[in-house]
Amino acid sequence: MSCVKFTELRCKEVICVNDGQRLGFVSDVRVEVPEGCVVAIIVPGPCRFLGLFGRKDDFVIPWNCIRRIGPDIVLVDIKPCDCRVPRSKSGWAF
């Protein structure tokens, strides 16, 4: 894959190629330190009941599951149930 800035990646919608499901928009990345390698992208889970009760589990998608990064979307090859990570009350649950 070509070089992509995080600011450009953050504006893109993530879609699963297996079933066409829209997972949401990239909000963060997971980086391996000290190597500086991006190992996953993070997509917040969908809102619960009109956004009043927080969000459901987040999607943490390994970098090797990304198939294509286009001008508007990121195509991933992973089942949504395989990349769900429970949200903790203090932030990300890694």
PDB file of N, CA and C in Angstrom:
ATOM      1  N   MET A   1       0.829  -1.185   0.000  1.00  0.00           N
ATOM      2  CA  MET A   1       0.000   0.000   0.000  1.00  0.00           C
ATOM      3  C   MET A   1       0.869   1.243   0.000  1.00  0.00           C
ATOM      4  N   SER A   2       0.336   2.258  -0.610  1.00  0.00           N
ATOM      5  CA  SER A   2       1.082   3.513  -0.658  1.00  0.00           C
ATOM      6  C   SER A   2       1.003   4.217   0.693  1.00  0.00           C
ATOM      7  N   CYS A   3       1.777   5.255   0.829  1.00  0.00           N
ATOM      8  CA  CYS A   3       1.840   6.029   2.059  1.00  0.00           C
ATOM      9  C   CYS A   3       0.545   6.830   2.243  1.00  0.00           C
ATOM     10  N   VAL A   4      -0.043   6.743   3.432  1.00  0.00           N
ATOM     11  CA  VAL A   4      -1.280   7.463   3.734  1.00  0.00           C
ATOM     12  C   VAL A   4      -1.090   8.196   5.053  1.00  0.00           C
ATOM     13  N   LYS A   5      -1.454   9.464   5.102  1.00  0.00           N
ATOM     14  CA  LYS A   5      -1.400  10.228   6.341  1.00  0.00           C
ATOM     15  C   LYS A   5      -2.600   9.856   7.202  1.00  0.00           C
ATOM     16  N   PHE A   6      -2.404   9.902   8.519  1.00  0.00           N
ATOM     17  CA  PHE A   6      -3.499   9.582   9.429  1.00  0.00           C
ATOM     18  C   PHE A   6      -4.675  10.532   9.242  1.00  0.00           C
ATOM     19  N   THR A   7      -4.398  11.796   8.978  1.00  0.00           N
ATOM     20  CA  THR A   7      -5.484  12.761   8.809  1.00  0.00           C
ATOM     21  C   THR A   7      -6.344  12.407   7.594  1.00  0.00           C
ATOM     22  N   GLU A   8      -5.736  11.816   6.560  1.00  0.00           N
ATOM     23  CA  GLU A   8      -6.496  11.381   5.396  1.00  0.00           C
ATOM     24  C   GLU A   8      -7.266  10.103   5.698  1.00  0.00           C
ATOM     25  N   LEU A   9      -6.674   9.224   6.475  1.00  0.00           N
ATOM     26  CA  LEU A   9      -7.303   7.947   6.813  1.00  0.00           C
ATOM     27  C   LEU A   9      -8.501   8.160   7.730  1.00  0.00           C
ATOM     28  N   ARG A  10      -8.423   9.150   8.589  1.00  0.00           N
ATOM     29  CA  ARG A  10      -9.474   9.393   9.578  1.00  0.00           C
ATOM     30  C   ARG A  10     -10.809   9.786   8.954  1.00  0.00           C
ATOM     31  N   CYS A  11     -10.809  10.307   7.778  1.00  0.00           N
ATOM     32  CA  CYS A  11     -12.038  10.750   7.121  1.00  0.00           C
ATOM     33  C   CYS A  11     -12.705   9.644   6.307  1.00  0.00           C
ATOM     34  N   LYS A  12     -12.170   8.462   6.327  1.00  0.00           N
ATOM     35  CA  LYS A  12     -12.665   7.404   5.438  1.00  0.00           C
ATOM     36  C   LYS A  12     -13.607   6.437   6.154  1.00  0.00           C
ATOM     37  N   GLU A  13     -14.614   5.991   5.420  1.00  0.00           N
ATOM     38  CA  GLU A  13     -15.558   5.010   5.941  1.00  0.00           C
ATOM     39  C   GLU A  13     -15.004   3.612   5.729  1.00  0.00           C
ATOM     40  N   VAL A  14     -15.220   2.731   6.702  1.00  0.00           N
ATOM     41  CA  VAL A  14     -14.730   1.357   6.633  1.00  0.00           C
ATOM     42  C   VAL A  14     -15.885   0.436   6.264  1.00  0.00           C
ATOM     43  N   ILE A  15     -15.666  -0.354   5.200  1.00  0.00           N
ATOM     44  CA  ILE A  15     -16.689  -1.278   4.717  1.00  0.00           C
ATOM     45  C   ILE A  15     -16.100  -2.680   4.631  1.00  0.00           C
ATOM     46  N   CYS A  16     -16.853  -3.656   5.103  1.00  0.00           N
ATOM     47  CA  CYS A  16     -16.440  -5.058   5.084  1.00  0.00           C
ATOM     48  C   CYS A  16     -16.754  -5.652   3.709  1.00  0.00           C
ATOM     49  N   VAL A  17     -15.746  -6.245   3.049  1.00  0.00           N
ATOM     50  CA  VAL A  17     -15.968  -6.805   1.715  1.00  0.00           C
ATOM     51  C   VAL A  17     -16.731  -8.121   1.767  1.00  0.00           C
ATOM     52  N   ASN A  18     -16.766  -8.787   2.916  1.00  0.00           N
ATOM     53  CA  ASN A  18     -17.478 -10.059   3.030  1.00  0.00           C
ATOM     54  C   ASN A  18     -18.983  -9.917   2.842  1.00  0.00           C
ATOM     55  N   ASP A  19     -19.563  -8.910   3.498  1.00  0.00           N
ATOM     56  CA  ASP A  19     -21.019  -8.761   3.450  1.00  0.00           C
ATOM     57  C   ASP A  19     -21.476  -7.340   3.093  1.00  0.00           C
ATOM     58  N   GLY A  20     -20.533  -6.440   2.837  1.00  0.00           N
ATOM     59  CA  GLY A  20     -20.892  -5.073   2.476  1.00  0.00           C
ATOM     60  C   GLY A  20     -21.329  -4.208   3.642  1.00  0.00           C
ATOM     61  N   GLN A  21     -21.155  -4.694   4.863  1.00  0.00           N
ATOM     62  CA  GLN A  21     -21.592  -3.952   6.044  1.00  0.00           C
ATOM     63  C   GLN A  21     -20.707  -2.727   6.274  1.00  0.00           C
ATOM     64  N   ARG A  22     -21.351  -1.603   6.573  1.00  0.00           N
ATOM     65  CA  ARG A  22     -20.632  -0.375   6.916  1.00  0.00           C
ATOM     66  C   ARG A  22     -20.298  -0.429   8.399  1.00  0.00           C
ATOM     67  N   LEU A  23     -19.025  -0.348   8.720  1.00  0.00           N
ATOM     68  CA  LEU A  23     -18.608  -0.433  10.116  1.00  0.00           C
ATOM     69  C   LEU A  23     -18.513   0.934  10.782  1.00  0.00           C
ATOM     70  N   GLY A  24     -18.291   1.978  10.008  1.00  0.00           N
ATOM     71  CA  GLY A  24     -18.165   3.320  10.556  1.00  0.00           C
ATOM     72  C   GLY A  24     -16.955   4.013   9.971  1.00  0.00           C
ATOM     73  N   PHE A  25     -16.481   5.044  10.656  1.00  0.00           N
ATOM     74  CA  PHE A  25     -15.348   5.832  10.184  1.00  0.00           C
ATOM     75  C   PHE A  25     -14.143   5.610  11.082  1.00  0.00           C
ATOM     76  N   VAL A  26     -12.960   5.588  10.488  1.00  0.00           N
ATOM     77  CA  VAL A  26     -11.717   5.411  11.243  1.00  0.00           C
ATOM     78  C   VAL A  26     -11.578   6.558  12.233  1.00  0.00           C
ATOM     79  N   SER A  27     -11.330   6.219  13.510  1.00  0.00           N
ATOM     80  CA  SER A  27     -11.162   7.265  14.515  1.00  0.00           C
ATOM     81  C   SER A  27      -9.758   7.288  15.101  1.00  0.00           C
ATOM     82  N   ASP A  28      -9.049   6.164  15.005  1.00  0.00           N
ATOM     83  CA  ASP A  28      -7.728   6.092  15.615  1.00  0.00           C
ATOM     84  C   ASP A  28      -6.953   4.945  14.991  1.00  0.00           C
ATOM     85  N   VAL A  29      -5.673   4.868  15.303  1.00  0.00           N
ATOM     86  CA  VAL A  29      -4.840   3.757  14.860  1.00  0.00           C
ATOM     87  C   VAL A  29      -4.075   3.225  16.060  1.00  0.00           C
ATOM     88  N   ARG A  30      -3.692   1.968  15.988  1.00  0.00           N
ATOM     89  CA  ARG A  30      -2.852   1.361  17.021  1.00  0.00           C
ATOM     90  C   ARG A  30      -1.457   1.235  16.425  1.00  0.00           C
ATOM     91  N   VAL A  31      -0.460   1.760  17.144  1.00  0.00           N
ATOM     92  CA  VAL A  31       0.920   1.791  16.658  1.00  0.00           C
ATOM     93  C   VAL A  31       1.792   0.980  17.601  1.00  0.00           C
ATOM     94  N   GLU A  32       2.688   0.177  17.030  1.00  0.00           N
ATOM     95  CA  GLU A  32       3.657  -0.580  17.805  1.00  0.00           C
ATOM     96  C   GLU A  32       4.838   0.333  18.128  1.00  0.00           C
ATOM     97  N   VAL A  33       5.172   0.438  19.400  1.00  0.00           N
ATOM     98  CA  VAL A  33       6.267   1.296  19.827  1.00  0.00           C
ATOM     99  C   VAL A  33       7.426   0.395  20.236  1.00  0.00           C
ATOM    100  N   PRO A  34       8.668   0.613  19.956  1.00  0.00           N
ATOM    101  CA  PRO A  34       9.291   1.779  19.347  1.00  0.00           C
ATOM    102  C   PRO A  34       9.411   1.696  17.832  1.00  0.00           C
ATOM    103  N   GLU A  35       8.942   0.608  17.219  1.00  0.00           N
ATOM    104  CA  GLU A  35       9.087   0.446  15.769  1.00  0.00           C
ATOM    105  C   GLU A  35       8.326   1.503  14.977  1.00  0.00           C
ATOM    106  N   GLY A  36       7.201   1.944  15.502  1.00  0.00           N
ATOM    107  CA  GLY A  36       6.393   2.936  14.811  1.00  0.00           C
ATOM    108  C   GLY A  36       5.527   2.347  13.712  1.00  0.00           C
ATOM    109  N   CYS A  37       5.268   1.042  13.765  1.00  0.00           N
ATOM    110  CA  CYS A  37       4.449   0.373  12.753  1.00  0.00           C
ATOM    111  C   CYS A  37       2.985   0.421  13.144  1.00  0.00           C
ATOM    112  N   VAL A  38       2.127   0.753  12.206  1.00  0.00           N
ATOM    113  CA  VAL A  38       0.688   0.724  12.441  1.00  0.00           C
ATOM    114  C   VAL A  38       0.244  -0.737  12.386  1.00  0.00           C
ATOM    115  N   VAL A  39      -0.405  -1.212  13.445  1.00  0.00           N
ATOM    116  CA  VAL A  39      -0.834  -2.605  13.490  1.00  0.00           C
ATOM    117  C   VAL A  39      -2.343  -2.767  13.352  1.00  0.00           C
ATOM    118  N   ALA A  40      -3.114  -1.690  13.557  1.00  0.00           N
ATOM    119  CA  ALA A  40      -4.574  -1.799  13.456  1.00  0.00           C
ATOM    120  C   ALA A  40      -5.195  -0.415  13.313  1.00  0.00           C
ATOM    121  N   ILE A  41      -6.394  -0.404  12.740  1.00  0.00           N
ATOM    122  CA  ILE A  41      -7.203   0.811  12.735  1.00  0.00           C
ATOM    123  C   ILE A  41      -8.365   0.586  13.692  1.00  0.00           C
ATOM    124  N   ILE A  42      -8.868   1.660  14.262  1.00  0.00           N
ATOM    125  CA  ILE A  42      -9.941   1.560  15.248  1.00  0.00           C
ATOM    126  C   ILE A  42     -11.144   2.336  14.744  1.00  0.00           C
ATOM    127  N   VAL A  43     -12.301   1.654  14.774  1.00  0.00           N
ATOM    128  CA  VAL A  43     -13.565   2.242  14.352  1.00  0.00           C
ATOM    129  C   VAL A  43     -14.519   2.165  15.537  1.00  0.00           C
ATOM    130  N   PRO A  44     -15.041   3.295  16.010  1.00  0.00           N
ATOM    131  CA  PRO A  44     -15.982   3.245  17.132  1.00  0.00           C
ATOM    132  C   PRO A  44     -17.232   2.453  16.765  1.00  0.00           C
ATOM    133  N   GLY A  45     -17.758   1.736  17.736  1.00  0.00           N
ATOM    134  CA  GLY A  45     -18.984   0.981  17.515  1.00  0.00           C
ATOM    135  C   GLY A  45     -20.170   1.901  17.312  1.00  0.00           C
ATOM    136  N   PRO A  46     -21.267   1.343  16.815  1.00  0.00           N
ATOM    137  CA  PRO A  46     -22.456   2.164  16.584  1.00  0.00           C
ATOM    138  C   PRO A  46     -23.052   2.696  17.893  1.00  0.00           C
ATOM    139  N   CYS A  47     -23.748   3.818  17.802  1.00  0.00           N
ATOM    140  CA  CYS A  47     -24.403   4.409  18.970  1.00  0.00           C
ATOM    141  C   CYS A  47     -25.574   3.535  19.410  1.00  0.00           C
ATOM    142  N   ARG A  48     -25.818   3.567  20.698  1.00  0.00           N
ATOM    143  CA  ARG A  48     -26.994   2.885  21.231  1.00  0.00           C
ATOM    144  C   ARG A  48     -28.137   3.886  21.326  1.00  0.00           C
ATOM    145  N   PHE A  49     -29.325   3.475  21.145  1.00  0.00           N
ATOM    146  CA  PHE A  49     -30.556   4.234  21.267  1.00  0.00           C
ATOM    147  C   PHE A  49     -30.376   5.742  21.166  1.00  0.00           C
ATOM    148  N   LEU A  50     -30.307   6.225  19.959  1.00  0.00           N
ATOM    149  CA  LEU A  50     -30.207   7.662  19.644  1.00  0.00           C
ATOM    150  C   LEU A  50     -28.972   8.334  20.249  1.00  0.00           C
ATOM    151  N   GLY A  51     -27.952   7.560  20.576  1.00  0.00           N
ATOM    152  CA  GLY A  51     -26.721   8.124  21.125  1.00  0.00           C
ATOM    153  C   GLY A  51     -26.796   8.501  22.585  1.00  0.00           C
ATOM    154  N   LEU A  52     -27.908   8.210  23.233  1.00  0.00           N
ATOM    155  CA  LEU A  52     -28.085   8.597  24.633  1.00  0.00           C
ATOM    156  C   LEU A  52     -27.391   7.660  25.612  1.00  0.00           C
ATOM    157  N   PHE A  53     -27.153   6.426  25.221  1.00  0.00           N
ATOM    158  CA  PHE A  53     -26.607   5.437  26.140  1.00  0.00           C
ATOM    159  C   PHE A  53     -25.215   4.962  25.729  1.00  0.00           C
ATOM    160  N   GLY A  54     -24.439   5.835  25.125  1.00  0.00           N
ATOM    161  CA  GLY A  54     -23.075   5.484  24.749  1.00  0.00           C
ATOM    162  C   GLY A  54     -23.005   4.723  23.443  1.00  0.00           C
ATOM    163  N   ARG A  55     -21.946   3.946  23.306  1.00  0.00           N
ATOM    164  CA  ARG A  55     -21.710   3.181  22.087  1.00  0.00           C
ATOM    165  C   ARG A  55     -21.571   1.706  22.396  1.00  0.00           C
ATOM    166  N   LYS A  56     -21.759   0.909  21.341  1.00  0.00           N
ATOM    167  CA  LYS A  56     -21.530  -0.533  21.450  1.00  0.00           C
ATOM    168  C   LYS A  56     -20.038  -0.792  21.305  1.00  0.00           C
ATOM    169  N   ASP A  57     -19.631  -2.050  21.268  1.00  0.00           N
ATOM    170  CA  ASP A  57     -18.232  -2.434  21.151  1.00  0.00           C
ATOM    171  C   ASP A  57     -17.578  -1.805  19.929  1.00  0.00           C
ATOM    172  N   ASP A  58     -16.285  -1.466  20.063  1.00  0.00           N
ATOM    173  CA  ASP A  58     -15.512  -0.894  18.957  1.00  0.00           C
ATOM    174  C   ASP A  58     -15.005  -2.007  18.052  1.00  0.00           C
ATOM    175  N   PHE A  59     -14.606  -1.627  16.843  1.00  0.00           N
ATOM    176  CA  PHE A  59     -13.981  -2.542  15.905  1.00  0.00           C
ATOM    177  C   PHE A  59     -12.491  -2.215  15.860  1.00  0.00           C
ATOM    178  N   VAL A  60     -11.644  -3.198  16.163  1.00  0.00           N
ATOM    179  CA  VAL A  60     -10.197  -3.049  16.036  1.00  0.00           C
ATOM    180  C   VAL A  60      -9.787  -3.970  14.893  1.00  0.00           C
ATOM    181  N   ILE A  61      -9.428  -3.372  13.768  1.00  0.00           N
ATOM    182  CA  ILE A  61      -9.190  -4.115  12.531  1.00  0.00           C
ATOM    183  C   ILE A  61      -7.694  -4.173  12.265  1.00  0.00           C
ATOM    184  N   PRO A  62      -7.117  -5.393  12.276  1.00  0.00           N
ATOM    185  CA  PRO A  62      -5.678  -5.517  12.009  1.00  0.00           C
ATOM    186  C   PRO A  62      -5.314  -4.951  10.639  1.00  0.00           C
ATOM    187  N   TRP A  63      -4.138  -4.345  10.561  1.00  0.00           N
ATOM    188  CA  TRP A  63      -3.683  -3.707   9.326  1.00  0.00           C
ATOM    189  C   TRP A  63      -3.637  -4.702   8.179  1.00  0.00           C
ATOM    190  N   ASN A  64      -3.283  -5.956   8.451  1.00  0.00           N
ATOM    191  CA  ASN A  64      -3.186  -6.957   7.376  1.00  0.00           C
ATOM    192  C   ASN A  64      -4.551  -7.374   6.821  1.00  0.00           C
ATOM    193  N   CYS A  65      -5.638  -6.940   7.439  1.00  0.00           N
ATOM    194  CA  CYS A  65      -6.986  -7.227   6.930  1.00  0.00           C
ATOM    195  C   CYS A  65      -7.491  -6.134   5.992  1.00  0.00           C
ATOM    196  N   ILE A  66      -6.745  -5.042   5.863  1.00  0.00           N
ATOM    197  CA  ILE A  66      -7.133  -3.968   4.945  1.00  0.00           C
ATOM    198  C   ILE A  66      -6.798  -4.410   3.529  1.00  0.00           C
ATOM    199  N   ARG A  67      -7.802  -4.381   2.652  1.00  0.00           N
ATOM    200  CA  ARG A  67      -7.602  -4.808   1.263  1.00  0.00           C
ATOM    201  C   ARG A  67      -7.341  -3.632   0.331  1.00  0.00           C
ATOM    202  N   ARG A  68      -8.001  -2.517   0.557  1.00  0.00           N
ATOM    203  CA  ARG A  68      -7.829  -1.376  -0.341  1.00  0.00           C
ATOM    204  C   ARG A  68      -8.182  -0.100   0.417  1.00  0.00           C
ATOM    205  N   ILE A  69      -7.384   0.933   0.186  1.00  0.00           N
ATOM    206  CA  ILE A  69      -7.689   2.260   0.723  1.00  0.00           C
ATOM    207  C   ILE A  69      -7.971   3.140  -0.478  1.00  0.00           C
ATOM    208  N   GLY A  70      -9.231   3.551  -0.601  1.00  0.00           N
ATOM    209  CA  GLY A  70      -9.641   4.389  -1.719  1.00  0.00           C
ATOM    210  C   GLY A  70      -9.751   5.839  -1.306  1.00  0.00           C
ATOM    211  N   PRO A  71     -10.233   6.688  -2.220  1.00  0.00           N
ATOM    212  CA  PRO A  71     -10.353   8.110  -1.900  1.00  0.00           C
ATOM    213  C   PRO A  71     -11.381   8.398  -0.802  1.00  0.00           C
ATOM    214  N   ASP A  72     -12.398   7.545  -0.675  1.00  0.00           N
ATOM    215  CA  ASP A  72     -13.454   7.788   0.311  1.00  0.00           C
ATOM    216  C   ASP A  72     -13.651   6.654   1.312  1.00  0.00           C
ATOM    217  N   ILE A  73     -13.207   5.440   0.972  1.00  0.00           N
ATOM    218  CA  ILE A  73     -13.486   4.290   1.826  1.00  0.00           C
ATOM    219  C   ILE A  73     -12.252   3.424   2.029  1.00  0.00           C
ATOM    220  N   VAL A  74     -12.336   2.590   3.067  1.00  0.00           N
ATOM    221  CA  VAL A  74     -11.337   1.569   3.347  1.00  0.00           C
ATOM    222  C   VAL A  74     -12.069   0.237   3.298  1.00  0.00           C
ATOM    223  N   LEU A  75     -11.622  -0.663   2.430  1.00  0.00           N
ATOM    224  CA  LEU A  75     -12.222  -1.989   2.333  1.00  0.00           C
ATOM    225  C   LEU A  75     -11.428  -2.961   3.185  1.00  0.00           C
ATOM    226  N   VAL A  76     -12.133  -3.702   4.045  1.00  0.00           N
ATOM    227  CA  VAL A  76     -11.471  -4.654   4.931  1.00  0.00           C
ATOM    228  C   VAL A  76     -12.047  -6.050   4.714  1.00  0.00           C
ATOM    229  N   ASP A  77     -11.204  -7.044   4.909  1.00  0.00           N
ATOM    230  CA  ASP A  77     -11.601  -8.438   4.734  1.00  0.00           C
ATOM    231  C   ASP A  77     -11.553  -9.136   6.086  1.00  0.00           C
ATOM    232  N   ILE A  78     -12.580  -8.903   6.886  1.00  0.00           N
ATOM    233  CA  ILE A  78     -12.698  -9.515   8.205  1.00  0.00           C
ATOM    234  C   ILE A  78     -14.167  -9.492   8.593  1.00  0.00           C
ATOM    235  N   LYS A  79     -14.605 -10.503   9.313  1.00  0.00           N
ATOM    236  CA  LYS A  79     -15.988 -10.520   9.800  1.00  0.00           C
ATOM    237  C   LYS A  79     -16.099  -9.550  10.962  1.00  0.00           C
ATOM    238  N   PRO A  80     -17.125  -8.708  10.972  1.00  0.00           N
ATOM    239  CA  PRO A  80     -17.273  -7.725  12.058  1.00  0.00           C
ATOM    240  C   PRO A  80     -17.261  -8.353  13.455  1.00  0.00           C
ATOM    241  N   CYS A  81     -17.809  -9.551  13.589  1.00  0.00           N
ATOM    242  CA  CYS A  81     -17.834 -10.189  14.905  1.00  0.00           C
ATOM    243  C   CYS A  81     -16.436 -10.621  15.361  1.00  0.00           C
ATOM    244  N   ASP A  82     -15.498 -10.773  14.415  1.00  0.00           N
ATOM    245  CA  ASP A  82     -14.133 -11.199  14.757  1.00  0.00           C
ATOM    246  C   ASP A  82     -13.240 -10.047  15.209  1.00  0.00           C
ATOM    247  N   CYS A  83     -13.678  -8.814  15.014  1.00  0.00           N
ATOM    248  CA  CYS A  83     -12.818  -7.683  15.370  1.00  0.00           C
ATOM    249  C   CYS A  83     -13.452  -6.761  16.410  1.00  0.00           C
ATOM    250  N   ARG A  84     -14.519  -7.211  17.047  1.00  0.00           N
ATOM    251  CA  ARG A  84     -15.151  -6.395  18.095  1.00  0.00           C
ATOM    252  C   ARG A  84     -14.341  -6.457  19.381  1.00  0.00           C
ATOM    253  N   VAL A  85     -14.163  -5.305  20.001  1.00  0.00           N
ATOM    254  CA  VAL A  85     -13.462  -5.205  21.280  1.00  0.00           C
ATOM    255  C   VAL A  85     -14.352  -4.407  22.217  1.00  0.00           C
ATOM    256  N   PRO A  86     -14.634  -4.955  23.413  1.00  0.00           N
ATOM    257  CA  PRO A  86     -15.511  -4.221  24.344  1.00  0.00           C
ATOM    258  C   PRO A  86     -14.928  -2.866  24.709  1.00  0.00           C
ATOM    259  N   ARG A  87     -15.808  -1.889  24.813  1.00  0.00           N
ATOM    260  CA  ARG A  87     -15.419  -0.542  25.220  1.00  0.00           C
ATOM    261  C   ARG A  87     -15.310  -0.493  26.731  1.00  0.00           C
ATOM    262  N   SER A  88     -14.235   0.104  27.229  1.00  0.00           N
ATOM    263  CA  SER A  88     -14.136   0.296  28.675  1.00  0.00           C
ATOM    264  C   SER A  88     -14.685   1.686  29.006  1.00  0.00           C
ATOM    265  N   LYS A  89     -15.011   1.905  30.255  1.00  0.00           N
ATOM    266  CA  LYS A  89     -15.576   3.205  30.643  1.00  0.00           C
ATOM    267  C   LYS A  89     -14.529   4.304  30.609  1.00  0.00           C
ATOM    268  N   SER A  90     -13.259   3.939  30.701  1.00  0.00           N
ATOM    269  CA  SER A  90     -12.201   4.962  30.717  1.00  0.00           C
ATOM    270  C   SER A  90     -11.594   5.209  29.344  1.00  0.00           C
ATOM    271  N   GLY A  91     -12.102   4.565  28.299  1.00  0.00           N
ATOM    272  CA  GLY A  91     -11.546   4.751  26.968  1.00  0.00           C
ATOM    273  C   GLY A  91     -11.400   3.422  26.261  1.00  0.00           C
ATOM    274  N   TRP A  92     -10.292   3.221  25.569  1.00  0.00           N
ATOM    275  CA  TRP A  92     -10.072   2.000  24.799  1.00  0.00           C
ATOM    276  C   TRP A  92      -9.728   0.840  25.709  1.00  0.00           C
ATOM    277  N   ALA A  93     -10.214  -0.348  25.351  1.00  0.00           N
ATOM    278  CA  ALA A  93      -9.961  -1.560  26.137  1.00  0.00           C
ATOM    279  C   ALA A  93      -8.999  -2.453  25.385  1.00  0.00           C
ATOM    280  N   PHE A  94      -7.720  -2.239  25.547  1.00  0.00           N
ATOM    281  CA  PHE A  94      -6.727  -3.076  24.859  1.00  0.00           C
ATOM    282  C   PHE A  94      -6.134  -4.024  25.829  1.00  0.00           C
TER     283      PHE A  94
END
